[in-house]
Amino acid sequence: MIHIIVAAHPPCDHETMKTVDAVDGEIRFSAHWGGRDRYVFIPDPYVSSDAGHAVSRTEAIAYVQEHLERYTAEARAQHGDDDPVKIVILARG
């Protein structure tokens, strides 16, 4: 189940909502940049690679929470402020 935080006013570009969840091999969280709420999906193998070892669902969520700013910056770099896409799936080449 996804829990999305709805604020009474939109957060500024540098605020990231702290909701992090995992489902179907992906870690996901909500963020706000470019005047839009975005939903970022990170394939679990990326998190395991970043952590340096295979991570459980709980470890993956905790790792992403600890590095939320980095993952938000990575997603924002791939999908800039003007991109109308609301669902962002991190891609690495």
Protein backbone atom coordinates (compact mmCIF):
# COMPACT_ATOMS: atom_id res chain seq x y z
CA MET A 1 0.00 0.00 0.00
CA ILE A 2 1.28 3.46 -0.87
CA HIS A 3 0.95 6.19 1.71
CA ILE A 4 1.14 9.61 0.10
CA ILE A 5 1.35 12.72 2.21
CA VAL A 6 -0.87 15.52 0.99
CA ALA A 7 0.16 18.92 2.27
CA ALA A 8 -2.17 21.88 2.71
CA HIS A 9 0.27 23.84 0.56
CA PRO A 10 2.82 22.51 -1.93
CA PRO A 11 6.31 22.15 -0.48
CA CYS A 12 9.11 24.29 -1.84
CA ASP A 13 11.51 22.79 -4.40
CA HIS A 14 14.00 21.72 -1.74
CA GLU A 15 11.50 19.87 0.45
CA THR A 16 11.10 16.15 -0.05
CA MET A 17 8.21 14.25 1.42
CA LYS A 18 9.54 11.52 3.67
CA THR A 19 7.21 8.73 2.55
CA VAL A 20 9.35 5.81 1.37
CA ASP A 21 7.92 2.40 0.56
CA ALA A 22 8.90 -0.76 -1.31
CA VAL A 23 6.82 -2.91 -3.61
CA ASP A 24 7.46 -5.32 -6.48
CA GLY A 25 11.25 -4.95 -6.43
CA GLU A 26 11.18 -1.16 -6.38
CA ILE A 27 11.67 1.44 -3.70
CA ARG A 28 9.50 4.51 -4.16
CA PHE A 29 9.04 7.91 -2.63
CA SER A 30 7.33 11.18 -3.39
CA ALA A 31 9.16 14.43 -4.00
CA HIS A 32 8.46 17.92 -5.27
CA TRP A 33 10.44 19.89 -7.85
CA GLY A 34 9.71 22.09 -10.82
CA GLY A 35 6.33 23.01 -9.34
CA ARG A 36 5.09 19.39 -9.47
CA ASP A 37 4.70 16.48 -7.11
CA ARG A 38 6.73 13.56 -8.47
CA TYR A 39 6.69 9.88 -7.61
CA VAL A 40 10.14 8.36 -7.89
CA PHE A 41 10.68 4.62 -8.40
CA ILE A 42 14.13 3.12 -7.82
CA PRO A 43 14.73 -0.44 -9.04
CA ASP A 44 15.93 -2.49 -6.04
CA PRO A 45 19.15 -3.63 -7.76
CA TYR A 46 20.25 0.04 -7.80
CA VAL A 47 19.78 0.31 -4.03
CA SER A 48 21.65 -2.96 -3.44
CA SER A 49 24.45 -1.76 -5.71
CA ASP A 50 24.62 1.59 -3.92
CA ALA A 51 24.67 -0.09 -0.51
CA GLY A 52 27.38 -2.49 -1.67
CA HIS A 53 25.42 -5.67 -0.89
CA ALA A 54 22.01 -7.24 -1.41
CA VAL A 55 19.52 -5.50 0.84
CA SER A 56 16.24 -6.67 2.31
CA ARG A 57 13.07 -4.64 1.82
CA THR A 58 13.50 -3.01 5.24
CA GLU A 59 17.19 -2.24 4.63
CA ALA A 60 16.39 -0.77 1.21
CA ILE A 61 13.75 1.56 2.64
CA ALA A 62 16.13 2.69 5.40
CA TYR A 63 18.97 3.20 2.89
CA VAL A 64 16.81 5.33 0.60
CA GLN A 65 15.54 7.38 3.57
CA GLU A 66 19.14 8.06 4.61
CA HIS A 67 20.08 9.11 1.07
CA LEU A 68 16.82 10.75 0.02
CA GLU A 69 18.42 13.99 -1.12
CA ARG A 70 20.86 12.11 -3.35
CA TYR A 71 18.12 10.04 -4.98
CA THR A 72 15.93 13.12 -5.43
CA ALA A 73 18.84 14.94 -7.08
CA GLU A 74 19.47 11.96 -9.38
CA ALA A 75 15.81 11.82 -10.40
CA ARG A 76 15.70 15.57 -10.90
CA ALA A 77 18.83 15.44 -13.09
CA GLN A 78 17.18 12.81 -15.31
CA HIS A 79 13.84 14.61 -15.45
CA GLY A 80 14.37 18.36 -15.21
CA ASP A 81 12.08 20.98 -13.81
CA ASP A 82 10.18 21.40 -17.10
CA ASP A 83 9.50 17.69 -17.66
CA PRO A 84 5.75 17.12 -17.27
CA VAL A 85 6.25 13.49 -16.18
CA LYS A 86 4.95 12.84 -12.67
CA ILE A 87 6.16 9.23 -12.36
CA VAL A 88 9.92 9.00 -12.56
CA ILE A 89 11.74 5.67 -12.82
CA LEU A 90 15.46 6.03 -12.21
CA ALA A 91 17.54 4.76 -15.10
CA ARG A 92 21.24 4.14 -15.08
CA GLY A 93 23.35 3.39 -18.09
